[in-house]
Structure formats: structure tokens, C-alpha cells
Amino acid sequence: MNLSPRPSPPFAGGRRTHAMSHPTSTDNDTAVATDTTVTVFCADWCTHCRSFREAVVGRFDSHLVWFDVEDDAIDVDALNITAFPTVAVFHPPGVLRYLGPVKPYRDELQACIERARQAAPQAVPSALAPLTTR
């Protein structure tokens, strides 16, 4: 799969792999449950990823972790990532419930998390397992 980078400005804040800040009291309606972990796979050159990041920054608690697939050398083929952004939802942590694309909007991420929490557990792909411990 060819996911050639296109030049663009870096993500706001400069760091691409990090846990996001805790939500403010006005953002409680979109907070991620403490027993749920969401891993987000994006690319710096992807305009959807940049707008998605802006939409969710500060609105979800520290259980949301970001990876830039190029900077963090993520094997997109091994994870079957075909679109950005892609998320992995773990509920409880370590138990994969969803791995796939999500539309780049805060409400879509919240709906994806809610659906995933009700979904049956899935096998964790071997390429994903080491990322859950970072």
C-alpha cells in the first residue's frame, strides 16, 4: 500500500504520540469512560486527521492515545489500515472491541466508542499488541 506523504504543517502541539489532556467540566458529555482506551492512527499529511485532532483535543480524557503512522513507524498493512483516521477501541484496556476507520468528527468518535463498548471482543492483531503497552 502506498501512503506517500504530502507536505503539510505538523499537528498542533508538535508531539504526535501522546495521551490527550483531561476534559474540562463542560466537556463531560463526550468523555471516554475510564475503562476504555482508544488508540488513534493518523498521518501528518492527512487533512482529515488534522481536523479530527482539532475536533477532539481537550474533549476526551487521557485514555486517548495518538500515533502518527510515519513518525512512529506503524505498519499500516499489518494493521489493515486503509483510511485515516483509524481507531482501535479497547474495553476494558487490552480487550479489542473495534479496529477500523472513523469519520473525523467528535460525535462520530463518541458514537464509535459507544458501539465498540457493546461489541464482542476481537483478536488483537500481532502488529497492534506492542502498541498497547506504549
Protein backbone atom coordinates (compact mmCIF):
# COMPACT_ATOMS: atom_id res chain seq x y z
CA MET A 1 0.00 0.00 0.00
CA ASN A 2 1.39 3.40 -0.92
CA LEU A 3 0.59 6.11 1.60
CA SER A 4 3.05 8.66 0.29
CA PRO A 5 3.29 11.74 2.49
CA ARG A 6 2.26 15.08 1.14
CA PRO A 7 3.86 18.20 2.62
CA SER A 8 1.76 19.92 5.25
CA PRO A 9 2.20 21.70 8.56
CA PRO A 10 2.72 19.46 11.61
CA PHE A 11 -0.01 18.66 14.11
CA ALA A 12 -0.65 21.45 16.58
CA GLY A 13 1.49 20.98 19.63
CA GLY A 14 4.29 19.26 17.74
CA ARG A 15 4.16 15.89 19.54
CA ARG A 16 2.32 13.22 17.66
CA THR A 17 2.27 10.31 20.12
CA HIS A 18 0.81 11.33 23.44
CA ALA A 19 -2.11 10.99 25.76
CA MET A 20 -4.52 13.86 25.45
CA SER A 21 -5.42 16.22 28.27
CA HIS A 22 -8.31 15.64 30.63
CA PRO A 23 -11.66 17.08 29.55
CA THR A 24 -12.93 20.26 31.09
CA SER A 25 -16.11 20.19 33.15
CA THR A 26 -18.06 21.48 30.14
CA ASP A 27 -16.94 18.50 28.05
CA ASN A 28 -18.22 15.70 30.29
CA ASP A 29 -20.80 14.66 27.69
CA THR A 30 -18.01 13.44 25.40
CA ALA A 31 -15.56 11.99 27.90
CA VAL A 32 -14.22 8.49 27.34
CA ALA A 33 -15.05 6.06 30.15
CA THR A 34 -12.07 5.29 32.36
CA ASP A 35 -12.25 1.61 31.44
CA THR A 36 -11.94 2.35 27.71
CA THR A 37 -8.75 3.07 25.78
CA VAL A 38 -8.78 4.49 22.26
CA THR A 39 -5.71 4.40 20.02
CA VAL A 40 -5.85 6.75 17.04
CA PHE A 41 -3.76 6.21 13.91
CA CYS A 42 -3.23 9.29 11.75
CA ALA A 43 -0.73 10.80 9.34
CA ASP A 44 0.70 14.29 9.46
CA TRP A 45 -0.09 14.91 5.79
CA CYS A 46 -3.76 13.89 6.17
CA THR A 47 -6.13 16.86 6.29
CA HIS A 48 -8.87 14.69 7.83
CA CYS A 49 -6.51 13.73 10.65
CA ARG A 50 -5.61 17.34 11.37
CA SER A 51 -9.26 18.44 11.51
CA PHE A 52 -10.14 15.36 13.58
CA ARG A 53 -7.41 16.16 16.08
CA GLU A 54 -8.66 19.74 16.40
CA ALA A 55 -12.22 18.47 16.92
CA VAL A 56 -11.36 16.10 19.77
CA VAL A 57 -8.45 17.82 21.54
CA GLY A 58 -9.46 18.66 25.09
CA ARG A 59 -12.78 16.86 24.82
CA PHE A 60 -11.68 13.34 25.70
CA ASP A 61 -9.68 12.27 28.71
CA SER A 62 -6.21 10.81 28.86
CA HIS A 63 -7.31 7.37 27.64
CA LEU A 64 -6.96 8.60 24.04
CA VAL A 65 -3.51 7.91 22.53
CA TRP A 66 -2.30 9.15 19.13
CA PHE A 67 0.20 7.59 16.73
CA ASP A 68 1.49 9.15 13.53
CA VAL A 69 1.88 6.13 11.24
CA GLU A 70 5.02 7.50 9.64
CA ASP A 71 6.81 9.10 12.59
CA ASP A 72 6.07 6.08 14.78
CA ALA A 73 6.84 3.55 12.00
CA ILE A 74 3.42 1.86 12.18
CA ASP A 75 2.95 -0.99 9.68
CA VAL A 76 -0.36 0.07 8.13
CA ASP A 77 -0.53 -3.09 6.01
CA ALA A 78 -0.19 -5.37 9.04
CA LEU A 79 -3.00 -3.47 10.77
CA ASN A 80 -5.08 -3.30 7.58
CA ILE A 81 -5.31 0.50 7.84
CA THR A 82 -6.87 1.70 4.61
CA ALA A 83 -8.25 5.08 5.71
CA PHE A 84 -7.45 7.85 8.14
CA PRO A 85 -8.20 8.37 10.89
CA THR A 86 -8.34 4.77 12.09
CA VAL A 87 -9.04 3.87 15.71
CA ALA A 88 -8.64 0.85 17.95
CA VAL A 89 -11.11 0.80 20.85
CA PHE A 90 -10.21 -1.34 23.86
CA HIS A 91 -12.81 -2.03 26.57
CA PRO A 92 -11.62 -2.84 29.15
CA PRO A 93 -8.00 -1.91 28.34
CA GLY A 94 -6.33 -4.77 26.48
CA VAL A 95 -9.60 -6.19 25.09
CA LEU A 96 -10.04 -5.06 21.48
CA ARG A 97 -13.63 -4.23 20.53
CA TYR A 98 -13.10 -2.28 17.26
CA LEU A 99 -10.27 -1.61 14.80
CA GLY A 100 -11.18 0.46 11.77
CA PRO A 101 -11.80 3.88 10.29
CA VAL A 102 -13.86 6.59 11.91
CA LYS A 103 -15.26 9.77 10.38
CA PRO A 104 -13.20 12.77 11.52
CA TYR A 105 -15.78 14.31 13.86
CA ARG A 106 -16.07 14.36 17.65
CA ASP A 107 -19.63 12.99 17.63
CA GLU A 108 -18.63 10.17 15.28
CA LEU A 109 -15.79 9.16 17.59
CA GLN A 110 -18.12 9.19 20.59
CA ALA A 111 -20.67 7.04 18.72
CA CYS A 112 -17.91 4.64 17.61
CA ILE A 113 -16.73 4.26 21.20
CA GLU A 114 -20.27 3.61 22.45
CA ARG A 115 -20.88 0.95 19.76
CA ALA A 116 -17.50 -0.66 20.38
CA ARG A 117 -18.11 -0.95 24.12
CA GLN A 118 -21.11 -3.18 23.29
CA ALA A 119 -19.32 -5.22 20.59
CA ALA A 120 -17.86 -8.68 21.05
CA PRO A 121 -14.13 -8.92 21.80
CA GLN A 122 -11.82 -9.36 18.80
CA ALA A 123 -8.40 -10.94 18.48
CA VAL A 124 -5.67 -8.31 18.82
CA PRO A 125 -3.54 -8.31 15.65
CA SER A 126 0.09 -9.09 16.44
CA ALA A 127 1.18 -5.75 14.95
CA LEU A 128 -1.16 -3.92 17.37
CA ALA A 129 -0.19 -5.71 20.58
CA PRO A 130 3.12 -3.87 21.14
CA LEU A 131 1.39 -0.51 20.68
CA THR A 132 -0.99 -1.14 23.56
CA THR A 133 1.88 -1.06 26.03
CA ARG A 134 3.45 2.25 24.94
